[in-house]
Amino acid sequence: MTDLPPLPSVEPASKAADQKFCFSCGSVLHLSASSCPKCGALQPAQTALVPVPPLAAMVQVSPSALPHGHVYCRGCGQPIHESAISCPKCGALQRSANFATARSASGNDRMTAALLALFLGGLGGHKFYLGQTGMGILYLLFCWTLIPALIAFIEGIIFLTMSDADFAAKY
């Protein structure tokens, strides 16, 4: 069993009720922030299942002192392991089910695009959803040939077999 180095010293951090800690760098963010302006890390959706502890119990560690494989708790700011589902100190959930399904930078969901391609692909539904309006119009113009439907069926299968990370990077 390997021993982890001791966690660095902590200093009190202040956070209002409408704020959260960035899980990557530990800076204080607004609850509605989807990414950290300081480090750019995408933030999981805020969950209201666990009450946030009082401000006196909150602490923050300097970003340079965070051990490898650790992130900051979104509820109390303590360093925790990156695979933790909830914080062992305050119990705050770190990842929600919505965050597990990655969305692209434009907010598009892989499964929605796949279903649109399979059911409305012949009319270019998935192309319009993905913001490719020109291709969507092209699919509409040639929908009577059924060629767009065949291509869309193949694209739907590709979307279903593609990982969420690959989809988010591409779209």
N, C-alpha and C. Protein backbone atom coordinates (compact mmCIF):
# COMPACT_ATOMS: atom_id res chain seq x y z
N MET A 1 0.85 -1.18 0.00
CA MET A 1 0.00 0.00 0.00
C MET A 1 0.89 1.24 0.00
N THR A 2 0.62 2.16 -0.91
CA THR A 2 1.44 3.36 -0.99
C THR A 2 0.87 4.43 -0.09
N ASP A 3 1.76 5.14 0.55
CA ASP A 3 1.33 6.24 1.41
C ASP A 3 1.28 7.52 0.61
N LEU A 4 0.18 8.23 0.73
CA LEU A 4 0.05 9.51 0.07
C LEU A 4 0.78 10.55 0.90
N PRO A 5 1.34 11.56 0.24
CA PRO A 5 1.99 12.61 1.01
C PRO A 5 0.94 13.35 1.82
N PRO A 6 1.35 13.92 2.95
CA PRO A 6 0.36 14.64 3.77
C PRO A 6 -0.20 15.82 2.98
N LEU A 7 -1.48 16.11 3.22
CA LEU A 7 -2.11 17.22 2.54
C LEU A 7 -1.51 18.52 3.04
N PRO A 8 -1.40 19.51 2.17
CA PRO A 8 -0.81 20.78 2.56
C PRO A 8 -1.67 21.51 3.57
N SER A 9 -1.06 22.53 4.20
CA SER A 9 -1.80 23.31 5.18
C SER A 9 -2.93 24.04 4.48
N VAL A 10 -4.00 24.29 5.22
CA VAL A 10 -5.18 24.91 4.64
C VAL A 10 -5.44 26.24 5.32
N GLU A 11 -6.07 27.13 4.59
CA GLU A 11 -6.46 28.41 5.13
C GLU A 11 -7.94 28.62 4.86
N PRO A 12 -8.65 29.35 5.73
CA PRO A 12 -10.08 29.53 5.53
C PRO A 12 -10.38 30.23 4.22
N ALA A 13 -11.43 29.78 3.56
CA ALA A 13 -11.89 30.40 2.32
C ALA A 13 -13.29 30.93 2.54
N SER A 14 -13.64 31.99 1.85
CA SER A 14 -14.99 32.52 2.01
C SER A 14 -15.77 32.23 0.73
N LYS A 15 -17.02 31.83 0.91
CA LYS A 15 -17.88 31.47 -0.20
C LYS A 15 -19.30 31.82 0.21
N ALA A 16 -20.02 32.52 -0.66
CA ALA A 16 -21.41 32.87 -0.38
C ALA A 16 -22.30 31.67 -0.69
N ALA A 17 -23.56 31.77 -0.31
CA ALA A 17 -24.51 30.67 -0.51
C ALA A 17 -24.76 30.40 -1.99
N ASP A 18 -24.59 31.41 -2.84
CA ASP A 18 -24.81 31.20 -4.27
C ASP A 18 -23.52 30.93 -5.04
N GLN A 19 -22.51 30.41 -4.34
CA GLN A 19 -21.23 30.12 -4.97
C GLN A 19 -20.82 28.68 -4.71
N LYS A 20 -19.86 28.19 -5.52
CA LYS A 20 -19.30 26.85 -5.35
C LYS A 20 -17.81 26.94 -5.64
N PHE A 21 -17.08 25.88 -5.30
CA PHE A 21 -15.66 25.81 -5.58
C PHE A 21 -15.44 25.08 -6.90
N CYS A 22 -14.48 25.54 -7.70
CA CYS A 22 -14.08 24.83 -8.91
C CYS A 22 -13.43 23.53 -8.48
N PHE A 23 -13.84 22.41 -9.10
CA PHE A 23 -13.27 21.12 -8.70
C PHE A 23 -11.85 20.95 -9.21
N SER A 24 -11.41 21.82 -10.11
CA SER A 24 -10.08 21.68 -10.68
C SER A 24 -9.05 22.56 -9.99
N CYS A 25 -9.37 23.86 -9.83
CA CYS A 25 -8.37 24.75 -9.25
C CYS A 25 -8.76 25.27 -7.87
N GLY A 26 -10.01 25.07 -7.44
CA GLY A 26 -10.44 25.46 -6.11
C GLY A 26 -10.91 26.89 -5.99
N SER A 27 -10.94 27.65 -7.09
CA SER A 27 -11.39 29.03 -7.00
C SER A 27 -12.91 29.08 -6.81
N VAL A 28 -13.39 30.17 -6.27
CA VAL A 28 -14.81 30.33 -5.97
C VAL A 28 -15.54 30.78 -7.23
N LEU A 29 -16.64 30.07 -7.56
CA LEU A 29 -17.44 30.35 -8.76
C LEU A 29 -18.89 30.56 -8.37
N HIS A 30 -19.66 31.17 -9.26
CA HIS A 30 -21.10 31.26 -9.05
C HIS A 30 -21.71 29.88 -9.30
N LEU A 31 -22.81 29.55 -8.64
CA LEU A 31 -23.45 28.24 -8.79
C LEU A 31 -23.83 27.94 -10.24
N SER A 32 -24.16 28.96 -11.02
CA SER A 32 -24.60 28.72 -12.39
C SER A 32 -23.44 28.57 -13.37
N ALA A 33 -22.20 28.75 -12.92
CA ALA A 33 -21.05 28.68 -13.82
C ALA A 33 -20.88 27.26 -14.36
N SER A 34 -20.76 27.16 -15.69
CA SER A 34 -20.57 25.85 -16.30
C SER A 34 -19.09 25.56 -16.53
N SER A 35 -18.26 26.60 -16.47
CA SER A 35 -16.82 26.41 -16.57
C SER A 35 -16.13 27.45 -15.71
N CYS A 36 -14.91 27.15 -15.32
CA CYS A 36 -14.14 28.04 -14.45
C CYS A 36 -13.43 29.09 -15.31
N PRO A 37 -13.61 30.39 -15.01
CA PRO A 37 -12.92 31.40 -15.80
C PRO A 37 -11.41 31.41 -15.54
N LYS A 38 -10.99 30.88 -14.40
CA LYS A 38 -9.56 30.89 -14.07
C LYS A 38 -8.80 29.77 -14.78
N CYS A 39 -9.32 28.52 -14.71
CA CYS A 39 -8.60 27.38 -15.30
C CYS A 39 -9.30 26.79 -16.51
N GLY A 40 -10.57 27.18 -16.78
CA GLY A 40 -11.28 26.69 -17.95
C GLY A 40 -11.92 25.32 -17.80
N ALA A 41 -11.85 24.70 -16.63
CA ALA A 41 -12.39 23.36 -16.43
C ALA A 41 -13.92 23.38 -16.44
N LEU A 42 -14.52 22.42 -17.16
CA LEU A 42 -15.97 22.28 -17.15
C LEU A 42 -16.42 21.85 -15.76
N GLN A 43 -17.52 22.43 -15.28
CA GLN A 43 -18.01 22.15 -13.94
C GLN A 43 -19.24 21.25 -14.00
N PRO A 44 -19.33 20.26 -13.11
CA PRO A 44 -20.54 19.43 -13.06
C PRO A 44 -21.74 20.28 -12.69
N ALA A 45 -22.93 19.82 -13.08
CA ALA A 45 -24.16 20.52 -12.73
C ALA A 45 -24.31 20.54 -11.22
N GLN A 46 -24.78 21.64 -10.68
CA GLN A 46 -24.95 21.78 -9.23
C GLN A 46 -26.11 20.92 -8.77
N THR A 47 -25.91 20.16 -7.73
CA THR A 47 -26.99 19.37 -7.14
C THR A 47 -27.33 19.93 -5.77
N ALA A 48 -28.58 19.85 -5.40
CA ALA A 48 -29.02 20.40 -4.13
C ALA A 48 -29.39 19.28 -3.16
N LEU A 49 -28.76 18.12 -3.26
CA LEU A 49 -29.11 17.00 -2.42
C LEU A 49 -28.49 17.09 -1.04
N VAL A 50 -27.34 17.72 -0.91
CA VAL A 50 -26.64 17.80 0.36
C VAL A 50 -26.48 19.26 0.74
N PRO A 51 -26.88 19.65 1.97
CA PRO A 51 -26.70 21.04 2.37
C PRO A 51 -25.22 21.38 2.49
N VAL A 52 -24.89 22.62 2.15
CA VAL A 52 -23.51 23.07 2.24
C VAL A 52 -23.20 23.42 3.69
N PRO A 53 -22.03 23.01 4.21
CA PRO A 53 -21.68 23.30 5.59
C PRO A 53 -21.49 24.80 5.81
N PRO A 54 -21.48 25.26 7.08
CA PRO A 54 -21.30 26.68 7.35
C PRO A 54 -19.94 27.18 6.86
N LEU A 55 -19.85 28.48 6.64
CA LEU A 55 -18.63 29.07 6.11
C LEU A 55 -17.41 28.79 6.98
N ALA A 56 -17.57 28.68 8.26
CA ALA A 56 -16.43 28.45 9.15
C ALA A 56 -15.75 27.12 8.86
N ALA A 57 -16.49 26.15 8.33
CA ALA A 57 -15.92 24.83 8.06
C ALA A 57 -15.27 24.74 6.69
N MET A 58 -15.41 25.79 5.88
CA MET A 58 -14.87 25.73 4.53
C MET A 58 -13.41 26.16 4.52
N VAL A 59 -12.62 25.45 3.73
CA VAL A 59 -11.20 25.76 3.60
C VAL A 59 -10.80 25.65 2.15
N GLN A 60 -9.66 26.22 1.82
CA GLN A 60 -9.16 26.14 0.46
C GLN A 60 -7.65 25.94 0.50
N VAL A 61 -7.14 25.11 -0.41
CA VAL A 61 -5.73 24.82 -0.50
C VAL A 61 -5.18 25.55 -1.71
N SER A 62 -3.94 26.01 -1.64
CA SER A 62 -3.37 26.69 -2.80
C SER A 62 -3.27 25.70 -3.96
N PRO A 63 -3.58 26.14 -5.21
CA PRO A 63 -3.62 25.23 -6.36
C PRO A 63 -2.31 24.49 -6.60
N SER A 64 -1.17 25.10 -6.31
CA SER A 64 0.10 24.43 -6.59
C SER A 64 0.37 23.27 -5.64
N ALA A 65 -0.31 23.23 -4.50
CA ALA A 65 -0.03 22.22 -3.50
C ALA A 65 -0.96 21.01 -3.58
N LEU A 66 -1.86 20.96 -4.56
CA LEU A 66 -2.81 19.86 -4.68
C LEU A 66 -2.10 18.59 -5.12
N PRO A 67 -2.25 17.48 -4.37
CA PRO A 67 -1.59 16.22 -4.75
C PRO A 67 -2.10 15.69 -6.09
N HIS A 68 -1.27 14.92 -6.76
CA HIS A 68 -1.64 14.33 -8.05
C HIS A 68 -2.87 13.44 -7.89
N GLY A 69 -3.82 13.54 -8.81
CA GLY A 69 -5.02 12.72 -8.77
C GLY A 69 -6.09 13.24 -7.84
N HIS A 70 -5.95 14.47 -7.37
CA HIS A 70 -6.93 15.05 -6.47
C HIS A 70 -7.58 16.27 -7.11
N VAL A 71 -8.80 16.57 -6.69
CA VAL A 71 -9.54 17.76 -7.11
C VAL A 71 -10.11 18.39 -5.85
N TYR A 72 -10.71 19.56 -6.01
CA TYR A 72 -11.34 20.23 -4.89
C TYR A 72 -12.81 19.86 -4.79
N CYS A 73 -13.29 19.66 -3.58
CA CYS A 73 -14.70 19.38 -3.34
C CYS A 73 -15.52 20.60 -3.74
N ARG A 74 -16.64 20.38 -4.40
CA ARG A 74 -17.51 21.48 -4.81
C ARG A 74 -18.29 22.05 -3.64
N GLY A 75 -18.37 21.31 -2.55
CA GLY A 75 -19.14 21.78 -1.41
C GLY A 75 -18.33 22.51 -0.37
N CYS A 76 -17.16 21.96 -0.01
CA CYS A 76 -16.37 22.55 1.07
C CYS A 76 -14.98 23.00 0.64
N GLY A 77 -14.53 22.63 -0.56
CA GLY A 77 -13.23 23.07 -1.04
C GLY A 77 -12.06 22.23 -0.59
N GLN A 78 -12.30 21.15 0.14
CA GLN A 78 -11.23 20.27 0.59
C GLN A 78 -10.69 19.45 -0.57
N PRO A 79 -9.39 19.13 -0.59
CA PRO A 79 -8.87 18.25 -1.64
C PRO A 79 -9.40 16.83 -1.43
N ILE A 80 -9.93 16.23 -2.50
CA ILE A 80 -10.43 14.86 -2.45
C ILE A 80 -9.92 14.14 -3.70
N HIS A 81 -9.98 12.82 -3.72
CA HIS A 81 -9.53 12.07 -4.88
C HIS A 81 -10.48 12.33 -6.05
N GLU A 82 -9.93 12.38 -7.26
CA GLU A 82 -10.72 12.73 -8.43
C GLU A 82 -11.82 11.72 -8.76
N SER A 83 -11.71 10.49 -8.27
CA SER A 83 -12.74 9.50 -8.56
C SER A 83 -13.85 9.48 -7.52
N ALA A 84 -13.76 10.32 -6.50
CA ALA A 84 -14.78 10.35 -5.44
C ALA A 84 -16.11 10.83 -5.98
N ILE A 85 -17.17 10.12 -5.64
CA ILE A 85 -18.51 10.51 -6.06
C ILE A 85 -19.06 11.58 -5.11
N SER A 86 -18.71 11.46 -3.83
CA SER A 86 -19.11 12.45 -2.85
C SER A 86 -17.94 12.74 -1.93
N CYS A 87 -17.96 13.89 -1.31
CA CYS A 87 -16.89 14.31 -0.41
C CYS A 87 -17.00 13.56 0.91
N PRO A 88 -15.91 12.95 1.40
CA PRO A 88 -15.97 12.26 2.68
C PRO A 88 -16.16 13.20 3.86
N LYS A 89 -15.83 14.49 3.70
CA LYS A 89 -15.97 15.44 4.80
C LYS A 89 -17.37 16.01 4.90
N CYS A 90 -17.88 16.55 3.77
CA CYS A 90 -19.18 17.23 3.83
C CYS A 90 -20.30 16.46 3.14
N GLY A 91 -19.96 15.43 2.34
CA GLY A 91 -20.97 14.62 1.68
C GLY A 91 -21.52 15.19 0.39
N ALA A 92 -21.00 16.32 -0.07
CA ALA A 92 -21.50 16.94 -1.30
C ALA A 92 -21.19 16.06 -2.51
N LEU A 93 -22.18 15.89 -3.39
CA LEU A 93 -21.97 15.12 -4.61
C LEU A 93 -21.02 15.87 -5.53
N GLN A 94 -20.10 15.16 -6.15
CA GLN A 94 -19.11 15.78 -7.02
C GLN A 94 -19.49 15.72 -8.47
N ARG A 95 -20.20 14.68 -8.86
CA ARG A 95 -20.62 14.53 -10.25
C ARG A 95 -22.09 14.15 -10.25
N SER A 96 -22.82 14.71 -11.22
CA SER A 96 -24.23 14.33 -11.35
C SER A 96 -24.39 13.44 -12.56
N ALA A 97 -25.54 12.84 -12.71
CA ALA A 97 -25.80 11.98 -13.87
C ALA A 97 -25.75 12.79 -15.16
N ASN A 98 -26.13 14.07 -15.09
CA ASN A 98 -26.10 14.90 -16.30
C ASN A 98 -24.67 15.19 -16.74
N PHE A 99 -23.73 15.26 -15.79
CA PHE A 99 -22.35 15.55 -16.16
C PHE A 99 -21.69 14.33 -16.77
N ALA A 100 -22.16 13.14 -16.42
CA ALA A 100 -21.56 11.92 -16.95
C ALA A 100 -21.76 11.81 -18.46
N THR A 101 -22.85 12.34 -18.97
CA THR A 101 -23.05 12.35 -20.41
C THR A 101 -22.53 13.67 -20.93
N ALA A 102 -21.37 13.63 -21.51
CA ALA A 102 -20.71 14.85 -21.95
C ALA A 102 -21.48 15.52 -23.06
N ARG A 103 -21.55 16.82 -23.00
CA ARG A 103 -22.16 17.60 -24.06
C ARG A 103 -21.06 18.35 -24.78
N SER A 104 -21.32 18.65 -26.02
CA SER A 104 -20.32 19.39 -26.79
C SER A 104 -20.31 20.84 -26.32
N ALA A 105 -19.35 21.61 -26.82
CA ALA A 105 -19.24 23.01 -26.43
C ALA A 105 -20.51 23.79 -26.79
N SER A 106 -21.22 23.37 -27.84
CA SER A 106 -22.45 24.05 -28.22
C SER A 106 -23.66 23.54 -27.44
N GLY A 107 -23.47 22.57 -26.56
CA GLY A 107 -24.55 22.06 -25.74
C GLY A 107 -25.31 20.91 -26.36
N ASN A 108 -24.82 20.34 -27.45
CA ASN A 108 -25.52 19.24 -28.11
C ASN A 108 -25.23 17.91 -27.43
N ASP A 109 -26.23 17.06 -27.38
CA ASP A 109 -26.13 15.75 -26.74
C ASP A 109 -25.99 14.67 -27.81
N ARG A 110 -25.11 13.71 -27.58
CA ARG A 110 -24.83 12.65 -28.55
C ARG A 110 -26.06 11.79 -28.81
N MET A 111 -26.78 11.39 -27.77
CA MET A 111 -27.94 10.52 -27.95
C MET A 111 -29.07 11.24 -28.69
N THR A 112 -29.26 12.52 -28.42
CA THR A 112 -30.28 13.28 -29.15
C THR A 112 -29.94 13.34 -30.63
N ALA A 113 -28.67 13.60 -30.94
CA ALA A 113 -28.24 13.64 -32.34
C ALA A 113 -28.43 12.28 -33.01
N ALA A 114 -28.12 11.20 -32.28
CA ALA A 114 -28.27 9.86 -32.85
C ALA A 114 -29.74 9.54 -33.13
N LEU A 115 -30.61 9.87 -32.19
CA LEU A 115 -32.04 9.60 -32.40
C LEU A 115 -32.62 10.44 -33.52
N LEU A 116 -32.20 11.70 -33.61
CA LEU A 116 -32.66 12.53 -34.71
C LEU A 116 -32.17 11.99 -36.05
N ALA A 117 -30.93 11.52 -36.09
CA ALA A 117 -30.39 10.95 -37.33
C ALA A 117 -31.17 9.71 -37.74
N LEU A 118 -31.53 8.86 -36.78
CA LEU A 118 -32.24 7.63 -37.11
C LEU A 118 -33.69 7.87 -37.53
N PHE A 119 -34.37 8.82 -36.87
CA PHE A 119 -35.79 9.00 -37.13
C PHE A 119 -36.13 10.17 -38.06
N LEU A 120 -35.35 11.25 -38.03
CA LEU A 120 -35.62 12.41 -38.88
C LEU A 120 -34.42 12.74 -39.77
N GLY A 121 -33.50 11.80 -39.89
CA GLY A 121 -32.28 12.05 -40.65
C GLY A 121 -32.50 12.29 -42.12
N GLY A 122 -33.48 11.64 -42.69
CA GLY A 122 -33.76 11.83 -44.11
C GLY A 122 -34.16 13.26 -44.43
N LEU A 123 -34.67 13.98 -43.44
CA LEU A 123 -35.04 15.38 -43.61
C LEU A 123 -33.96 16.32 -43.07
N GLY A 124 -32.87 15.76 -42.55
CA GLY A 124 -31.76 16.56 -42.05
C GLY A 124 -31.93 17.05 -40.63
N GLY A 125 -32.81 16.42 -39.86
CA GLY A 125 -33.08 16.86 -38.49
C GLY A 125 -31.83 16.92 -37.63
N HIS A 126 -30.99 15.92 -37.74
CA HIS A 126 -29.78 15.89 -36.91
C HIS A 126 -28.79 16.97 -37.34
N LYS A 127 -28.77 17.30 -38.63
CA LYS A 127 -27.87 18.34 -39.12
C LYS A 127 -28.28 19.71 -38.59
N PHE A 128 -29.59 19.99 -38.59
CA PHE A 128 -30.07 21.24 -38.02
C PHE A 128 -29.76 21.30 -36.52
N TYR A 129 -29.95 20.18 -35.82
CA TYR A 129 -29.68 20.12 -34.38
C TYR A 129 -28.20 20.41 -34.09
N LEU A 130 -27.31 19.90 -34.92
CA LEU A 130 -25.87 20.08 -34.71
C LEU A 130 -25.36 21.42 -35.24
N GLY A 131 -26.25 22.25 -35.75
CA GLY A 131 -25.86 23.58 -36.22
C GLY A 131 -25.31 23.59 -37.63
N GLN A 132 -25.46 22.51 -38.36
CA GLN A 132 -24.99 22.42 -39.74
C GLN A 132 -26.16 22.69 -40.68
N THR A 133 -26.61 23.95 -40.70
CA THR A 133 -27.81 24.33 -41.42
C THR A 133 -27.69 24.07 -42.92
N GLY A 134 -26.53 24.35 -43.49
CA GLY A 134 -26.34 24.12 -44.93
C GLY A 134 -26.55 22.66 -45.31
N MET A 135 -25.95 21.77 -44.51
CA MET A 135 -26.13 20.33 -44.77
C MET A 135 -27.59 19.93 -44.54
N GLY A 136 -28.24 20.53 -43.55
CA GLY A 136 -29.65 20.23 -43.30
C GLY A 136 -30.52 20.60 -44.48
N ILE A 137 -30.26 21.75 -45.07
CA ILE A 137 -31.01 22.18 -46.26
C ILE A 137 -30.73 21.24 -47.43
N LEU A 138 -29.48 20.82 -47.58
CA LEU A 138 -29.12 19.87 -48.63
C LEU A 138 -29.88 18.55 -48.46
N TYR A 139 -29.96 18.06 -47.23
CA TYR A 139 -30.72 16.84 -46.95
C TYR A 139 -32.19 17.04 -47.31
N LEU A 140 -32.75 18.23 -46.98
CA LEU A 140 -34.15 18.50 -47.31
C LEU A 140 -34.38 18.53 -48.82
N LEU A 141 -33.46 19.13 -49.55
CA LEU A 141 -33.63 19.23 -51.00
C LEU A 141 -33.61 17.87 -51.69
N PHE A 142 -32.81 16.94 -51.15
CA PHE A 142 -32.68 15.63 -51.79
C PHE A 142 -33.37 14.50 -51.02
N CYS A 143 -34.27 14.85 -50.10
CA CYS A 143 -34.93 13.81 -49.30
C CYS A 143 -35.77 12.87 -50.16
N TRP A 144 -36.26 13.34 -51.30
CA TRP A 144 -37.10 12.50 -52.18
C TRP A 144 -36.31 11.36 -52.80
N THR A 145 -34.96 11.45 -52.81
CA THR A 145 -34.14 10.38 -53.39
C THR A 145 -33.85 9.26 -52.39
N LEU A 146 -34.13 9.49 -51.14
CA LEU A 146 -33.86 8.57 -50.03
C LEU A 146 -32.36 8.39 -49.75
N ILE A 147 -31.50 9.05 -50.50
CA ILE A 147 -30.07 8.99 -50.23
C ILE A 147 -29.74 9.65 -48.88
N PRO A 148 -30.31 10.83 -48.57
CA PRO A 148 -30.04 11.40 -47.26
C PRO A 148 -30.49 10.49 -46.10
N ALA A 149 -31.58 9.75 -46.29
CA ALA A 149 -32.05 8.83 -45.25
C ALA A 149 -31.03 7.72 -45.00
N LEU A 150 -30.44 7.19 -46.07
CA LEU A 150 -29.43 6.15 -45.94
C LEU A 150 -28.18 6.69 -45.24
N ILE A 151 -27.74 7.88 -45.66
CA ILE A 151 -26.56 8.49 -45.04
C ILE A 151 -26.84 8.80 -43.56
N ALA A 152 -28.03 9.31 -43.27
CA ALA A 152 -28.39 9.66 -41.90
C ALA A 152 -28.46 8.41 -41.02
N PHE A 153 -28.93 7.30 -41.58
CA PHE A 153 -28.97 6.05 -40.81
C PHE A 153 -27.55 5.64 -40.42
N ILE A 154 -26.61 5.75 -41.34
CA ILE A 154 -25.22 5.42 -41.05
C ILE A 154 -24.65 6.40 -40.01
N GLU A 155 -24.97 7.70 -40.16
CA GLU A 155 -24.51 8.69 -39.18
C GLU A 155 -25.09 8.41 -37.80
N GLY A 156 -26.35 7.98 -37.75
CA GLY A 156 -26.97 7.64 -36.47
C GLY A 156 -26.24 6.50 -35.78
N ILE A 157 -25.86 5.48 -36.54
CA ILE A 157 -25.10 4.36 -35.98
C ILE A 157 -23.74 4.84 -35.50
N ILE A 158 -23.11 5.73 -36.26
CA ILE A 158 -21.81 6.28 -35.85
C ILE A 158 -21.96 7.05 -34.54
N PHE A 159 -23.02 7.87 -34.42
CA PHE A 159 -23.24 8.62 -33.18
C PHE A 159 -23.44 7.67 -32.00
N LEU A 160 -24.16 6.57 -32.22
CA LEU A 160 -24.42 5.62 -31.14
C LEU A 160 -23.15 4.91 -30.69
N THR A 161 -22.22 4.68 -31.60
CA THR A 161 -20.99 3.96 -31.24
C THR A 161 -19.86 4.89 -30.81
N MET A 162 -20.02 6.17 -31.03
CA MET A 162 -19.01 7.17 -30.68
C MET A 162 -19.04 7.43 -29.18
N SER A 163 -17.89 7.68 -28.58
CA SER A 163 -17.86 8.01 -27.15
C SER A 163 -18.32 9.45 -26.95
N ASP A 164 -18.77 9.75 -25.74
CA ASP A 164 -19.22 11.11 -25.43
C ASP A 164 -18.10 12.12 -25.61
N ALA A 165 -16.89 11.74 -25.23
CA ALA A 165 -15.75 12.65 -25.35
C ALA A 165 -15.44 12.95 -26.82
N ASP A 166 -15.49 11.93 -27.67
CA ASP A 166 -15.26 12.14 -29.09
C ASP A 166 -16.33 13.03 -29.71
N PHE A 167 -17.58 12.80 -29.31
CA PHE A 167 -18.69 13.61 -29.83
C PHE A 167 -18.51 15.07 -29.39
N ALA A 168 -18.18 15.27 -28.10
CA ALA A 168 -18.00 16.63 -27.59
C ALA A 168 -16.85 17.33 -28.31
N ALA A 169 -15.79 16.60 -28.63
CA ALA A 169 -14.66 17.22 -29.33
C ALA A 169 -15.02 17.57 -30.76
N LYS A 170 -15.84 16.77 -31.42
CA LYS A 170 -16.17 16.99 -32.82
C LYS A 170 -17.28 18.00 -33.02
N TYR A 171 -18.27 17.98 -32.15
CA TYR A 171 -19.44 18.86 -32.31
C TYR A 171 -19.55 19.84 -31.18
